[in-house]
N, C-alpha and C. Protein backbone atom coordinates (compact mmCIF):
# COMPACT_ATOMS: atom_id res chain seq x y z
N MET A 1 -15.51 9.14 53.07
CA MET A 1 -14.77 9.65 51.97
C MET A 1 -13.88 10.68 52.45
N ASN A 2 -12.53 10.59 51.95
CA ASN A 2 -11.40 11.44 52.20
C ASN A 2 -11.64 12.85 51.85
N LEU A 3 -11.41 13.89 52.61
CA LEU A 3 -11.68 15.26 52.18
C LEU A 3 -10.82 15.56 50.95
N THR A 4 -9.59 15.02 50.80
CA THR A 4 -8.81 15.37 49.55
C THR A 4 -9.41 14.77 48.54
N HIS A 5 -9.97 13.51 48.59
CA HIS A 5 -10.54 12.80 47.51
C HIS A 5 -11.82 13.50 46.88
N LYS A 6 -12.50 14.18 47.80
CA LYS A 6 -13.77 14.97 47.29
C LYS A 6 -13.23 16.20 46.31
N TYR A 7 -12.23 16.88 46.69
CA TYR A 7 -11.75 17.87 45.95
C TYR A 7 -10.92 17.39 44.66
N LEU A 8 -10.30 16.26 44.70
CA LEU A 8 -9.61 15.78 43.64
C LEU A 8 -10.74 15.21 42.44
N ARG A 9 -11.79 14.61 42.99
CA ARG A 9 -12.94 14.31 42.27
C ARG A 9 -13.54 15.69 41.54
N THR A 10 -13.63 16.65 42.25
CA THR A 10 -14.22 17.89 41.71
C THR A 10 -13.22 18.31 40.74
N PHE A 11 -11.91 18.26 40.96
CA PHE A 11 -10.91 18.77 40.02
C PHE A 11 -11.10 17.94 38.66
N LEU A 12 -11.16 16.75 38.72
CA LEU A 12 -11.32 15.89 37.58
C LEU A 12 -12.65 16.05 36.79
N LEU A 13 -13.74 16.37 37.52
CA LEU A 13 -15.00 16.79 36.97
C LEU A 13 -14.80 18.11 36.20
N GLY A 14 -14.16 19.03 36.66
CA GLY A 14 -13.79 20.35 36.01
C GLY A 14 -12.98 20.12 34.81
N PHE A 15 -12.00 19.25 34.92
CA PHE A 15 -11.11 19.02 33.61
C PHE A 15 -11.98 18.22 32.59
N GLN A 16 -12.82 17.39 32.92
CA GLN A 16 -13.72 16.65 32.16
C GLN A 16 -14.58 17.61 31.36
N ALA A 17 -15.12 18.53 32.15
CA ALA A 17 -16.19 19.48 31.64
C ALA A 17 -15.44 20.45 30.67
N ALA A 18 -14.13 20.75 30.90
CA ALA A 18 -13.56 21.63 30.00
C ALA A 18 -13.23 21.10 28.71
N ILE A 19 -12.78 19.66 28.69
CA ILE A 19 -12.42 19.19 27.28
C ILE A 19 -13.71 18.28 26.68
N GLU A 20 -14.95 18.54 27.24
CA GLU A 20 -16.04 17.90 26.82
C GLU A 20 -16.64 18.68 25.51
N TYR A 21 -16.36 19.96 25.48
CA TYR A 21 -16.71 20.68 24.30
C TYR A 21 -15.43 20.85 23.51
N ARG A 22 -15.06 19.84 22.68
CA ARG A 22 -13.79 19.75 22.03
C ARG A 22 -13.63 20.89 21.01
N ALA A 23 -14.69 21.34 20.39
CA ALA A 23 -14.39 22.37 19.34
C ALA A 23 -14.09 23.71 20.00
N ASN A 24 -14.84 23.90 21.20
CA ASN A 24 -14.22 25.18 22.05
C ASN A 24 -13.11 25.00 22.51
N PHE A 25 -12.66 23.83 22.98
CA PHE A 25 -11.24 23.67 23.42
C PHE A 25 -10.26 23.92 22.33
N ILE A 26 -10.41 23.26 21.19
CA ILE A 26 -9.34 23.41 20.10
C ILE A 26 -9.35 24.83 19.49
N LEU A 27 -10.57 25.43 19.41
CA LEU A 27 -10.59 26.76 18.92
C LEU A 27 -10.02 27.78 19.91
N SER A 28 -10.10 27.54 21.20
CA SER A 28 -9.54 28.57 22.10
C SER A 28 -8.02 28.49 22.04
N ILE A 29 -7.50 27.23 21.82
CA ILE A 29 -6.10 27.17 21.79
C ILE A 29 -5.63 27.63 20.38
N LEU A 30 -6.19 27.51 19.29
CA LEU A 30 -5.94 27.99 18.10
C LEU A 30 -5.98 29.47 17.96
N THR A 31 -7.09 30.11 18.49
CA THR A 31 -7.07 31.47 18.64
C THR A 31 -5.92 32.18 19.34
N THR A 32 -5.74 31.51 20.41
CA THR A 32 -4.40 32.06 21.18
C THR A 32 -3.22 31.88 20.49
N PHE A 33 -2.95 30.80 19.81
CA PHE A 33 -1.69 30.57 19.13
C PHE A 33 -1.72 31.47 17.94
N LEU A 34 -2.81 31.71 17.13
CA LEU A 34 -2.85 32.63 16.05
C LEU A 34 -2.62 34.15 16.56
N GLN A 35 -3.15 34.44 17.63
CA GLN A 35 -2.92 35.75 18.28
C GLN A 35 -1.33 36.14 18.38
N ILE A 36 -0.74 34.97 18.92
CA ILE A 36 0.74 35.13 19.21
C ILE A 36 1.32 35.30 17.94
N ILE A 37 1.15 34.54 16.84
CA ILE A 37 1.70 34.38 15.57
C ILE A 37 1.54 35.95 14.91
N VAL A 38 0.28 36.53 14.93
CA VAL A 38 0.08 37.65 14.30
C VAL A 38 0.94 38.75 15.01
N GLN A 39 1.00 38.82 16.34
CA GLN A 39 1.68 39.76 17.12
C GLN A 39 3.38 39.57 16.66
N LEU A 40 3.74 38.44 16.66
CA LEU A 40 5.33 38.16 16.30
C LEU A 40 5.55 38.68 14.87
N TYR A 41 4.66 38.39 13.95
CA TYR A 41 4.88 38.89 12.50
C TYR A 41 4.80 40.48 12.68
N LEU A 42 3.85 41.05 13.30
CA LEU A 42 3.66 42.47 13.36
C LEU A 42 5.03 43.11 13.92
N TRP A 43 5.53 42.67 15.04
CA TRP A 43 6.70 43.13 15.65
C TRP A 43 7.94 42.83 14.56
N SER A 44 7.97 41.70 14.08
CA SER A 44 9.10 41.46 13.17
C SER A 44 9.11 42.48 11.90
N ALA A 45 7.96 42.70 11.47
CA ALA A 45 7.82 43.73 10.31
C ALA A 45 8.16 45.13 10.89
N LEU A 46 7.80 45.48 12.05
CA LEU A 46 8.16 46.82 12.65
C LEU A 46 9.53 46.87 12.90
N PHE A 47 10.28 45.91 13.26
CA PHE A 47 11.71 45.87 13.54
C PHE A 47 12.41 45.80 12.16
N SER A 48 11.97 45.15 11.26
CA SER A 48 12.64 45.21 9.95
C SER A 48 12.57 46.32 9.14
N ASN A 49 11.68 47.10 9.44
CA ASN A 49 11.42 48.28 8.74
C ASN A 49 11.96 49.67 9.49
N SER A 50 12.42 49.25 10.65
CA SER A 50 12.99 50.50 11.50
C SER A 50 14.36 50.54 11.31
N THR A 51 14.87 51.83 11.37
CA THR A 51 16.23 52.05 11.13
C THR A 51 17.22 51.88 12.55
N ASP A 52 16.35 51.87 13.67
CA ASP A 52 17.05 51.47 14.95
C ASP A 52 16.98 50.04 15.25
N ASP A 53 17.89 49.60 16.00
CA ASP A 53 17.80 48.05 16.49
C ASP A 53 16.89 47.98 17.60
N ARG A 54 16.36 49.20 18.36
CA ARG A 54 15.42 49.13 19.37
C ARG A 54 14.27 49.99 19.06
N ILE A 55 13.15 49.47 19.64
CA ILE A 55 11.86 50.19 19.47
C ILE A 55 11.31 50.46 20.93
N TYR A 56 11.17 51.46 21.41
CA TYR A 56 10.64 51.73 22.75
C TYR A 56 11.54 51.07 23.67
N ASN A 57 12.88 51.05 23.36
CA ASN A 57 13.89 50.56 24.36
C ASN A 57 13.84 48.96 24.39
N PHE A 58 13.17 48.32 23.46
CA PHE A 58 13.17 46.94 23.37
C PHE A 58 14.04 46.42 22.26
N THR A 59 14.82 45.55 22.31
CA THR A 59 15.40 44.86 21.16
C THR A 59 14.38 43.90 20.56
N LYS A 60 14.58 43.39 19.31
CA LYS A 60 13.60 42.38 18.76
C LYS A 60 13.51 41.22 19.57
N GLU A 61 14.68 40.68 19.97
CA GLU A 61 14.45 39.35 20.76
C GLU A 61 13.71 39.63 22.13
N GLN A 62 13.90 40.79 22.88
CA GLN A 62 13.22 41.05 23.92
C GLN A 62 11.74 41.15 23.77
N MET A 63 11.19 41.84 22.59
CA MET A 63 10.03 41.97 22.21
C MET A 63 9.26 40.61 22.00
N MET A 64 10.04 39.76 21.23
CA MET A 64 9.30 38.51 20.85
C MET A 64 9.18 37.62 22.20
N PHE A 65 10.03 37.76 23.08
CA PHE A 65 9.72 36.87 24.39
C PHE A 65 8.80 37.59 25.18
N TYR A 66 8.68 38.99 25.27
CA TYR A 66 7.72 39.75 25.93
C TYR A 66 6.28 39.20 25.35
N VAL A 67 6.12 39.03 24.03
CA VAL A 67 4.83 38.83 23.42
C VAL A 67 4.41 37.43 23.91
N LEU A 68 5.35 36.41 23.96
CA LEU A 68 5.05 35.12 24.47
C LEU A 68 4.57 34.94 25.86
N PHE A 69 5.44 35.70 26.66
CA PHE A 69 5.13 35.72 28.05
C PHE A 69 3.80 36.56 28.39
N ALA A 70 3.54 37.58 27.77
CA ALA A 70 2.28 38.29 27.83
C ALA A 70 1.08 37.45 27.54
N ALA A 71 1.16 36.72 26.49
CA ALA A 71 0.12 35.79 26.11
C ALA A 71 -0.14 34.74 27.16
N LEU A 72 0.84 34.10 27.55
CA LEU A 72 0.92 33.10 28.70
C LEU A 72 0.33 33.70 30.05
N VAL A 73 0.59 34.77 30.57
CA VAL A 73 0.20 35.40 31.72
C VAL A 73 -1.23 35.94 31.57
N SER A 74 -1.65 36.30 30.39
CA SER A 74 -3.10 36.65 30.25
C SER A 74 -4.10 35.51 30.16
N ARG A 75 -3.55 34.37 29.95
CA ARG A 75 -4.45 33.08 30.08
C ARG A 75 -4.68 32.85 31.38
N PHE A 76 -3.62 33.03 32.19
CA PHE A 76 -3.86 32.64 33.65
C PHE A 76 -4.50 33.79 34.43
N ILE A 77 -4.46 34.95 33.96
CA ILE A 77 -5.32 36.00 34.66
C ILE A 77 -6.71 36.00 34.45
N ARG A 78 -7.05 35.66 33.32
CA ARG A 78 -8.42 35.55 32.81
C ARG A 78 -9.10 34.28 33.50
N THR A 79 -9.75 34.54 34.47
CA THR A 79 -10.33 33.25 35.16
C THR A 79 -11.86 32.98 34.94
N GLY A 80 -12.66 33.87 35.01
CA GLY A 80 -13.99 33.75 34.96
C GLY A 80 -14.69 33.06 36.20
N PHE A 81 -13.82 32.96 37.13
CA PHE A 81 -14.14 32.33 38.51
C PHE A 81 -15.03 33.24 39.20
N GLU A 82 -15.03 34.51 39.20
CA GLU A 82 -15.86 35.49 39.88
C GLU A 82 -17.39 35.30 39.38
N TYR A 83 -17.49 35.12 38.05
CA TYR A 83 -18.89 35.05 37.51
C TYR A 83 -19.62 33.85 37.99
N GLU A 84 -18.84 32.75 38.31
CA GLU A 84 -19.54 31.56 38.82
C GLU A 84 -19.91 31.77 40.25
N VAL A 85 -18.96 32.36 41.06
CA VAL A 85 -19.40 32.82 42.40
C VAL A 85 -20.60 33.68 42.49
N VAL A 86 -20.63 34.72 41.57
CA VAL A 86 -21.78 35.65 41.51
C VAL A 86 -23.04 34.98 41.04
N SER A 87 -23.01 33.97 40.29
CA SER A 87 -24.18 33.36 39.82
C SER A 87 -24.65 32.36 41.01
N ASP A 88 -23.80 31.86 41.60
CA ASP A 88 -24.20 30.94 42.67
C ASP A 88 -25.00 31.79 43.84
N ILE A 89 -24.48 32.91 44.14
CA ILE A 89 -25.10 33.81 45.02
C ILE A 89 -26.47 34.30 44.54
N LYS A 90 -26.37 34.89 43.32
CA LYS A 90 -27.68 35.22 42.74
C LYS A 90 -28.70 34.17 42.63
N ASN A 91 -28.44 33.14 42.09
CA ASN A 91 -29.42 31.96 41.89
C ASN A 91 -29.70 31.05 42.93
N GLY A 92 -29.06 31.32 44.13
CA GLY A 92 -29.09 30.45 45.23
C GLY A 92 -28.47 29.12 45.17
N GLY A 93 -27.48 28.91 44.46
CA GLY A 93 -26.78 27.68 44.22
C GLY A 93 -25.78 27.57 45.37
N ILE A 94 -25.57 28.56 46.26
CA ILE A 94 -24.72 28.40 47.27
C ILE A 94 -25.27 27.90 48.45
N ASP A 95 -26.62 27.66 48.50
CA ASP A 95 -27.28 27.12 49.55
C ASP A 95 -26.85 25.72 49.84
N LYS A 96 -26.83 25.02 48.67
CA LYS A 96 -26.43 23.54 48.96
C LYS A 96 -25.16 23.27 49.59
N PHE A 97 -24.40 24.26 49.66
CA PHE A 97 -23.05 24.12 50.23
C PHE A 97 -23.06 24.20 51.73
N PHE A 98 -24.14 24.62 52.21
CA PHE A 98 -24.36 24.80 53.74
C PHE A 98 -24.64 23.58 54.33
N VAL A 99 -25.20 22.73 53.58
CA VAL A 99 -25.67 21.44 54.13
C VAL A 99 -24.70 20.19 53.78
N ARG A 100 -23.87 20.52 52.78
CA ARG A 100 -23.00 19.36 52.16
C ARG A 100 -21.53 19.46 53.11
N PRO A 101 -20.88 18.41 53.24
CA PRO A 101 -19.57 18.40 53.86
C PRO A 101 -18.52 18.75 52.94
N VAL A 102 -18.74 19.75 52.07
CA VAL A 102 -17.76 20.33 51.16
C VAL A 102 -17.63 21.91 51.26
N GLY A 103 -16.40 22.39 51.34
CA GLY A 103 -16.25 23.85 51.50
C GLY A 103 -16.45 24.40 50.16
N TYR A 104 -17.22 25.51 50.07
CA TYR A 104 -17.50 26.12 48.87
C TYR A 104 -16.18 26.63 48.15
N ILE A 105 -15.28 27.31 48.90
CA ILE A 105 -14.11 27.90 48.23
C ILE A 105 -13.30 26.84 47.60
N MET A 106 -13.00 25.70 48.40
CA MET A 106 -12.04 24.64 47.84
C MET A 106 -12.98 23.96 46.77
N TYR A 107 -14.17 23.73 46.72
CA TYR A 107 -14.89 23.23 45.80
C TYR A 107 -14.74 24.02 44.40
N ARG A 108 -14.99 25.34 44.48
CA ARG A 108 -14.80 26.27 43.30
C ARG A 108 -13.33 26.17 43.02
N LEU A 109 -12.47 26.32 43.76
CA LEU A 109 -11.07 26.28 43.37
C LEU A 109 -10.67 25.05 42.70
N SER A 110 -11.05 23.70 43.18
CA SER A 110 -10.84 22.67 42.61
C SER A 110 -11.39 22.50 41.15
N ALA A 111 -12.66 22.85 41.01
CA ALA A 111 -13.26 23.00 39.85
C ALA A 111 -12.58 23.98 38.79
N PHE A 112 -12.23 25.05 39.21
CA PHE A 112 -11.49 25.97 38.39
C PHE A 112 -10.20 25.41 37.88
N LEU A 113 -9.41 24.90 38.96
CA LEU A 113 -8.19 24.41 38.64
C LEU A 113 -8.31 23.04 37.44
N GLY A 114 -9.20 22.32 37.63
CA GLY A 114 -9.51 21.23 36.55
C GLY A 114 -9.69 21.79 35.21
N LYS A 115 -10.59 22.87 35.13
CA LYS A 115 -10.95 23.50 33.94
C LYS A 115 -9.61 24.24 33.34
N THR A 116 -8.91 24.74 34.16
CA THR A 116 -7.74 25.57 33.74
C THR A 116 -6.52 24.58 33.22
N MET A 117 -6.42 23.44 33.87
CA MET A 117 -5.40 22.63 33.47
C MET A 117 -5.65 22.09 32.07
N SER A 118 -6.85 21.93 31.56
CA SER A 118 -7.04 21.30 30.35
C SER A 118 -6.71 22.31 29.18
N PHE A 119 -6.44 23.56 29.69
CA PHE A 119 -5.94 24.52 28.55
C PHE A 119 -4.56 24.87 28.82
N THR A 120 -4.18 24.93 30.11
CA THR A 120 -2.77 25.26 30.43
C THR A 120 -1.82 24.32 29.97
N ILE A 121 -1.87 23.11 30.07
CA ILE A 121 -0.88 22.07 29.59
C ILE A 121 -0.62 22.17 27.93
N PRO A 122 -1.65 22.30 27.12
CA PRO A 122 -1.44 22.49 25.75
C PRO A 122 -0.83 23.80 25.56
N MET A 123 -1.10 24.89 26.34
CA MET A 123 -0.40 26.27 26.20
C MET A 123 1.04 26.29 26.52
N LEU A 124 1.34 25.50 27.58
CA LEU A 124 2.81 25.41 27.96
C LEU A 124 3.50 24.60 26.97
N VAL A 125 2.94 23.62 26.41
CA VAL A 125 3.71 22.97 25.13
C VAL A 125 3.82 23.93 24.02
N ILE A 126 2.92 24.63 23.58
CA ILE A 126 2.91 25.57 22.62
C ILE A 126 3.93 26.63 22.85
N MET A 127 3.89 27.23 24.19
CA MET A 127 4.89 28.30 24.46
C MET A 127 6.22 27.77 24.47
N GLY A 128 6.48 26.55 24.99
CA GLY A 128 7.74 25.95 24.97
C GLY A 128 8.30 25.72 23.67
N GLY A 129 7.47 25.35 22.77
CA GLY A 129 7.78 25.15 21.27
C GLY A 129 8.31 26.58 20.67
N CYS A 130 7.31 27.48 20.91
CA CYS A 130 7.69 28.80 20.45
C CYS A 130 8.92 29.50 21.09
N LEU A 131 9.17 29.17 22.32
CA LEU A 131 10.41 29.60 22.86
C LEU A 131 11.58 29.00 22.36
N PHE A 132 11.61 27.71 22.14
CA PHE A 132 12.67 26.77 21.51
C PHE A 132 12.88 27.40 20.13
N PHE A 133 11.86 27.59 19.32
CA PHE A 133 11.97 28.00 17.99
C PHE A 133 12.50 29.40 18.02
N LEU A 134 12.00 30.28 18.81
CA LEU A 134 12.67 31.72 18.73
C LEU A 134 14.12 31.80 19.24
N SER A 135 14.40 30.95 20.19
CA SER A 135 15.88 30.93 20.82
C SER A 135 16.75 30.43 19.59
N HIS A 136 16.22 29.23 18.94
CA HIS A 136 16.98 28.59 17.89
C HIS A 136 17.26 29.68 16.70
N ILE A 137 16.29 30.42 16.27
CA ILE A 137 16.36 31.40 15.41
C ILE A 137 17.23 32.51 15.70
N PHE A 138 17.15 33.11 16.94
CA PHE A 138 18.01 34.32 17.40
C PHE A 138 19.35 33.71 17.65
N LEU A 139 19.63 32.42 18.14
CA LEU A 139 21.07 32.13 18.20
C LEU A 139 21.75 31.72 16.78
N GLN A 140 20.97 31.41 15.92
CA GLN A 140 21.52 31.29 14.52
C GLN A 140 21.86 32.56 13.97
N ASN A 141 20.98 33.53 14.34
CA ASN A 141 21.36 34.98 13.72
C ASN A 141 22.69 35.47 14.33
N THR A 142 22.91 35.11 15.60
CA THR A 142 24.08 35.76 16.28
C THR A 142 25.32 35.09 16.02
N LEU A 143 25.43 33.86 15.42
CA LEU A 143 26.52 33.07 15.15
C LEU A 143 27.10 33.50 14.01
């Protein structure tokens, strides 16, 4: 079996495990999306009730884009990867990797990327839609 094939299979298994719990998958996307909407409404209300066109040296457009990118970056930073490694060490699950022809780090990385891609792809679509929507609104307001 090819070495790359092993990690590709691990990636696909991680992806399958992530979408296996559809309710959790859908709720995590919805909560992230709702969190972004709430923050956008909050900042819109703050800017509409402010006498200045800047709050903390940010324009409304800059703050809207900041909210979107901060949400996207925060989803990539929160991995949970370290908890799996700690669990493997604590429970002795790492032992099986000493006798198998699979590298532990590459195995965990492949599984993590598989789980992450199931959430990242819809998030990129949502973020792209939000950016398109916001840029359309802001361009209409400047014309």
